[in-house]
Each structure stands twice: as C-alpha cells, then as structure tokens.
C-alpha atoms as a PDB file:
ATOM      1  CA  MET A   1      14.547 -13.885  54.741  1.00  0.00           C
ATOM      2  CA  LYS A   2      13.877 -13.806  50.963  1.00  0.00           C
ATOM      3  CA  PRO A   3      15.589 -16.284  48.678  1.00  0.00           C
ATOM      4  CA  LYS A   4      18.387 -14.692  46.620  1.00  0.00           C
ATOM      5  CA  HIS A   5      17.361 -16.345  43.346  1.00  0.00           C
ATOM      6  CA  ARG A   6      13.958 -14.599  43.484  1.00  0.00           C
ATOM      7  CA  ASN A   7      15.528 -11.127  43.270  1.00  0.00           C
ATOM      8  CA  LYS A   8      17.854 -12.303  40.495  1.00  0.00           C
ATOM      9  CA  ARG A   9      14.899 -13.497  38.362  1.00  0.00           C
ATOM     10  CA  LEU A  10      13.124 -10.176  38.862  1.00  0.00           C
ATOM     11  CA  ARG A  11      16.209  -8.235  37.754  1.00  0.00           C
ATOM     12  CA  VAL A  12      16.642 -10.423  34.643  1.00  0.00           C
ATOM     13  CA  PHE A  13      12.960  -9.978  33.749  1.00  0.00           C
ATOM     14  CA  ALA A  14      13.087  -6.198  34.222  1.00  0.00           C
ATOM     15  CA  LEU A  15      16.292  -5.912  32.162  1.00  0.00           C
ATOM     16  CA  SER A  16      14.750  -8.016  29.368  1.00  0.00           C
ATOM     17  CA  ALA A  17      11.616  -5.854  29.320  1.00  0.00           C
ATOM     18  CA  VAL A  18      13.686  -2.657  29.096  1.00  0.00           C
ATOM     19  CA  MET A  19      15.743  -4.124  26.223  1.00  0.00           C
ATOM     20  CA  VAL A  20      12.615  -5.131  24.272  1.00  0.00           C
ATOM     21  CA  ILE A  21      11.065  -1.673  24.690  1.00  0.00           C
ATOM     22  CA  ALA A  22      14.320   0.043  23.684  1.00  0.00           C
ATOM     23  CA  GLY A  23      14.709  -2.208  20.625  1.00  0.00           C
ATOM     24  CA  THR A  24      11.132  -1.587  19.505  1.00  0.00           C
ATOM     25  CA  SER A  25      11.451   2.179  19.863  1.00  0.00           C
ATOM     26  CA  LEU A  26      14.747   2.171  17.906  1.00  0.00           C
ATOM     27  CA  LEU A  27      13.140   0.126  15.132  1.00  0.00           C
ATOM     28  CA  LEU A  28      10.150   2.470  14.846  1.00  0.00           C
ATOM     29  CA  LYS A  29      12.425   5.512  14.835  1.00  0.00           C
ATOM     30  CA  ALA A  30      14.604   3.967  12.095  1.00  0.00           C
ATOM     31  CA  LEU A  31      11.539   3.371   9.913  1.00  0.00           C
ATOM     32  CA  GLY A  32      10.631   7.038  10.185  1.00  0.00           C
ATOM     33  CA  ASP A  33       8.724   8.237   7.118  1.00  0.00           C
ATOM     34  CA  ASN A  34       9.016   4.892   5.354  1.00  0.00           C
ATOM     35  CA  LYS A  35       5.882   3.607   7.075  1.00  0.00           C
ATOM     36  CA  GLN A  36       2.990   3.234   4.645  1.00  0.00           C
ATOM     37  CA  LEU A  37      -0.551   2.149   5.273  1.00  0.00           C
ATOM     38  CA  PHE A  38      -2.135  -0.455   2.994  1.00  0.00           C
ATOM     39  CA  VAL A  39      -5.829   0.141   2.407  1.00  0.00           C
ATOM     40  CA  ASN A  40      -8.532  -1.104   0.047  1.00  0.00           C
ATOM     41  CA  PRO A  41      -9.910   1.301  -2.591  1.00  0.00           C
ATOM     42  CA  SER A  42     -13.366   1.066  -1.004  1.00  0.00           C
ATOM     43  CA  VAL A  43     -11.967   2.514   2.250  1.00  0.00           C
ATOM     44  CA  LEU A  44     -10.583   5.559   0.423  1.00  0.00           C
ATOM     45  CA  VAL A  45     -13.900   6.177  -1.363  1.00  0.00           C
ATOM     46  CA  GLN A  46     -15.820   6.311   1.916  1.00  0.00           C
ATOM     47  CA  THR A  47     -16.712   9.867   2.909  1.00  0.00           C
ATOM     48  CA  GLY A  48     -15.199   9.760   6.411  1.00  0.00           C
ATOM     49  CA  TYR A  49     -11.656   8.809   5.388  1.00  0.00           C
ATOM     50  CA  ALA A  50      -8.975  11.232   6.597  1.00  0.00           C
ATOM     51  CA  GLN A  51      -5.446  10.746   5.286  1.00  0.00           C
ATOM     52  CA  GLY A  52      -2.339  11.741   7.174  1.00  0.00           C
ATOM     53  CA  GLU A  53       0.747  13.315   5.663  1.00  0.00           C
ATOM     54  CA  ASN A  54       2.354   9.982   4.701  1.00  0.00           C
ATOM     55  CA  PRO A  55       1.557   8.358   1.340  1.00  0.00           C
ATOM     56  CA  VAL A  56      -0.930   5.491   1.278  1.00  0.00           C
ATOM     57  CA  ARG A  57      -0.499   2.165  -0.498  1.00  0.00           C
ATOM     58  CA  VAL A  58      -3.642   0.863  -2.237  1.00  0.00           C
ATOM     59  CA  GLY A  59      -4.156  -2.520  -3.887  1.00  0.00           C
ATOM     60  CA  GLY A  60      -6.925  -3.544  -6.267  1.00  0.00           C
ATOM     61  CA  LEU A  61      -8.031  -4.478  -9.769  1.00  0.00           C
ATOM     62  CA  VAL A  62      -8.103  -2.080 -12.732  1.00  0.00           C
ATOM     63  CA  VAL A  63     -11.686  -1.873 -14.005  1.00  0.00           C
ATOM     64  CA  SER A  64     -12.134  -3.031 -17.617  1.00  0.00           C
ATOM     65  CA  GLY A  65     -12.898  -0.122 -19.933  1.00  0.00           C
ATOM     66  CA  SER A  66     -11.679   2.525 -17.486  1.00  0.00           C
ATOM     67  CA  LEU A  67      -8.165   3.093 -18.885  1.00  0.00           C
ATOM     68  CA  HIS A  68      -7.874   6.554 -20.472  1.00  0.00           C
ATOM     69  CA  LYS A  69      -4.752   8.398 -21.668  1.00  0.00           C
ATOM     70  CA  PRO A  70      -5.627  12.079 -22.182  1.00  0.00           C
ATOM     71  CA  GLY A  71      -2.148  13.002 -23.396  1.00  0.00           C
ATOM     72  CA  GLY A  72       1.551  12.791 -22.609  1.00  0.00           C
ATOM     73  CA  LEU A  73       2.393  10.446 -19.769  1.00  0.00           C
ATOM     74  CA  VAL A  74      -0.861  11.083 -17.874  1.00  0.00           C
ATOM     75  CA  THR A  75      -3.039   8.004 -17.375  1.00  0.00           C
ATOM     76  CA  LYS A  76      -6.460   7.866 -15.752  1.00  0.00           C
ATOM     77  CA  PHE A  77      -8.098   4.640 -14.625  1.00  0.00           C
ATOM     78  CA  THR A  78     -10.401   3.198 -11.993  1.00  0.00           C
ATOM     79  CA  VAL A  79      -9.567   0.618  -9.307  1.00  0.00           C
ATOM     80  CA  ILE A  80     -11.864  -1.658  -7.273  1.00  0.00           C
ATOM     81  CA  ASP A  81     -11.224  -4.057  -4.375  1.00  0.00           C
ATOM     82  CA  PHE A  82      -9.794  -7.489  -5.184  1.00  0.00           C
ATOM     83  CA  GLU A  83     -12.783  -9.108  -3.444  1.00  0.00           C
ATOM     84  CA  ASP A  84     -15.366  -6.845  -5.114  1.00  0.00           C
ATOM     85  CA  ALA A  85     -15.036  -7.968  -8.735  1.00  0.00           C
ATOM     86  CA  ASP A  86     -18.721  -7.241  -9.460  1.00  0.00           C
ATOM     87  CA  ALA A  87     -18.196  -3.581  -8.399  1.00  0.00           C
ATOM     88  CA  THR A  88     -20.989  -3.204  -5.853  1.00  0.00           C
ATOM     89  CA  ILE A  89     -18.835  -0.649  -3.949  1.00  0.00           C
ATOM     90  CA  PRO A  90     -17.945   2.678  -5.638  1.00  0.00           C
ATOM     91  CA  ALA A  91     -14.599   2.565  -7.423  1.00  0.00           C
ATOM     92  CA  LEU A  92     -11.522   4.709  -6.792  1.00  0.00           C
ATOM     93  CA  HIS A  93     -10.513   7.037  -9.646  1.00  0.00           C
ATOM     94  CA  VAL A  94      -6.735   7.253 -10.135  1.00  0.00           C
ATOM     95  CA  VAL A  95      -4.486   9.704 -11.991  1.00  0.00           C
ATOM     96  CA  TYR A  96      -0.865   8.726 -12.674  1.00  0.00           C
ATOM     97  CA  GLU A  97       1.794  10.660 -14.533  1.00  0.00           C
ATOM     98  CA  GLY A  98       4.679   8.490 -15.673  1.00  0.00           C
ATOM     99  CA  VAL A  99       5.608   5.334 -17.523  1.00  0.00           C
ATOM    100  CA  LEU A 100       3.412   2.364 -16.626  1.00  0.00           C
ATOM    101  CA  PRO A 101       4.837  -1.146 -16.061  1.00  0.00           C
ATOM    102  CA  ASP A 102       4.611  -3.638 -18.942  1.00  0.00           C
ATOM    103  CA  LEU A 103       2.186  -5.869 -17.032  1.00  0.00           C
ATOM    104  CA  PHE A 104      -0.255  -3.012 -16.360  1.00  0.00           C
ATOM    105  CA  GLY A 105      -3.625  -3.429 -18.030  1.00  0.00           C
ATOM    106  CA  GLU A 106      -7.371  -3.579 -17.569  1.00  0.00           C
ATOM    107  CA  GLY A 107      -8.525  -6.411 -15.352  1.00  0.00           C
ATOM    108  CA  GLN A 108      -5.043  -6.749 -13.833  1.00  0.00           C
ATOM    109  CA  GLY A 109      -4.012  -6.281 -10.211  1.00  0.00           C
ATOM    110  CA  VAL A 110      -2.108  -3.146  -9.233  1.00  0.00           C
ATOM    111  CA  VAL A 111      -0.526  -1.684  -6.120  1.00  0.00           C
ATOM    112  CA  LEU A 112      -0.516   2.108  -6.040  1.00  0.00           C
ATOM    113  CA  THR A 113       1.362   4.520  -3.793  1.00  0.00           C
ATOM    114  CA  GLY A 114       0.214   8.110  -3.459  1.00  0.00           C
ATOM    115  CA  LYS A 115      -2.246  10.495  -1.850  1.00  0.00           C
ATOM    116  CA  LEU A 116      -5.953  11.131  -2.071  1.00  0.00           C
ATOM    117  CA  GLY A 117      -6.623  14.492  -3.702  1.00  0.00           C
ATOM    118  CA  ALA A 118      -9.628  16.716  -4.237  1.00  0.00           C
ATOM    119  CA  GLY A 119     -12.822  15.060  -5.429  1.00  0.00           C
ATOM    120  CA  ASN A 120     -11.706  11.622  -4.123  1.00  0.00           C
ATOM    121  CA  VAL A 121      -9.203  11.284  -6.985  1.00  0.00           C
ATOM    122  CA  PHE A 122      -6.114   9.285  -6.006  1.00  0.00           C
ATOM    123  CA  ASN A 123      -2.882  10.888  -7.270  1.00  0.00           C
ATOM    124  CA  ALA A 124      -0.525   7.939  -7.677  1.00  0.00           C
ATOM    125  CA  SER A 125       3.217   8.513  -7.457  1.00  0.00           C
ATOM    126  CA  ASN A 126       4.114   4.844  -8.044  1.00  0.00           C
ATOM    127  CA  VAL A 127       2.308   2.005  -9.852  1.00  0.00           C
ATOM    128  CA  LEU A 128       3.261  -1.654  -9.472  1.00  0.00           C
ATOM    129  CA  ALA A 129       1.594  -4.342 -11.600  1.00  0.00           C
ATOM    130  CA  LYS A 130       0.791  -7.687 -10.028  1.00  0.00           C
ATOM    131  CA  HIS A 131       0.942 -10.983 -11.868  1.00  0.00           C
ATOM    132  CA  ASP A 132       0.017 -14.579 -11.140  1.00  0.00           C
ATOM    133  CA  GLU A 133       2.369 -17.506 -10.635  1.00  0.00           C
ATOM    134  CA  ASN A 134       2.295 -18.353 -14.376  1.00  0.00           C
ATOM    135  CA  TYR A 135       4.113 -15.169 -15.434  1.00  0.00           C
ATOM    136  CA  MET A 136       6.628 -15.537 -18.252  1.00  0.00           C
ATOM    137  CA  PRO A 137       8.727 -12.479 -19.143  1.00  0.00           C
ATOM    138  CA  LYS A 138       9.005 -11.383 -22.766  1.00  0.00           C
ATOM    139  CA  LEU A 139      12.048 -12.797 -24.540  1.00  0.00           C
ATOM    140  CA  PRO A 140      14.520 -10.273 -25.925  1.00  0.00           C
ATOM    141  CA  GLN A 141      14.099  -9.817 -29.656  1.00  0.00           C
ATOM    142  CA  SER A 142      17.151 -10.003 -31.850  1.00  0.00           C
END
C-alpha cells in the first residue's frame, strides 16, 4: 500500500509545473511584437547576419568625425562597439530621419532601434542618447 502523502506531493508538483508553463506562455504572448533583440554593431556588420521582421536594438559609440547632415532632418553617422573604441572591427553606418536628442554627439553612446537595410546601412527609427552619471540638464533660460 502506497502512502497517501506521496500522491498528494506529486499532484502539487504537477499542478505547480502546469501553472508555471501557463504563466510563461501568457507572458510571452502578451509581449507579442514588443520583443526586441539587442546586438552590437559589429554583429550587424558581419556578412552572415540575417534579421527577422522585428526591429533590432543596437548600442554603441558614435565615431568622431562621422556625423553628416545632408539636408532636412536626415542624419548619417557611424557607430562602433562600446568595447572597440580603437575601431579594429568595421563600423555600422546609420541613417536617421528625425530630430536627434540634445545629448547626441560624436564620441557619445547611443542606443538605436531600427532595421538593417541594403548595403549594410542601418535605418534607425529611434535614437536614444546615453550619458554618464555626472549628467546635468540645461537650465531653462529666462
């Protein structure tokens, strides 16, 4: 004869496992298209990279001397990995159409959201500028 508490523990364990699986699947379904991959610019530059249909989030440093504004709100610049400051890996060329954040500049950190286009040019739909812990916002002028 089997002890009764053994079957009870097995039922509690099985019920807990089913609840965890159901909760995880509900969470992933709720995220839906809001899932974004974070990759380094050097990964995007590699020839074997294949992007899915979701946008990709890229973080890196804007290369000094690469900022170019051909006209209107279009801005072209180049981004390298945070760890590759001496640029031994090929850089990622970026095109962005829109208003750039105040903290954006050459040599500064940025986080870009967008898709890789033809010719390994990254078409950014969103640009976020990163700052260090010593950031002080500009005071309003009167």
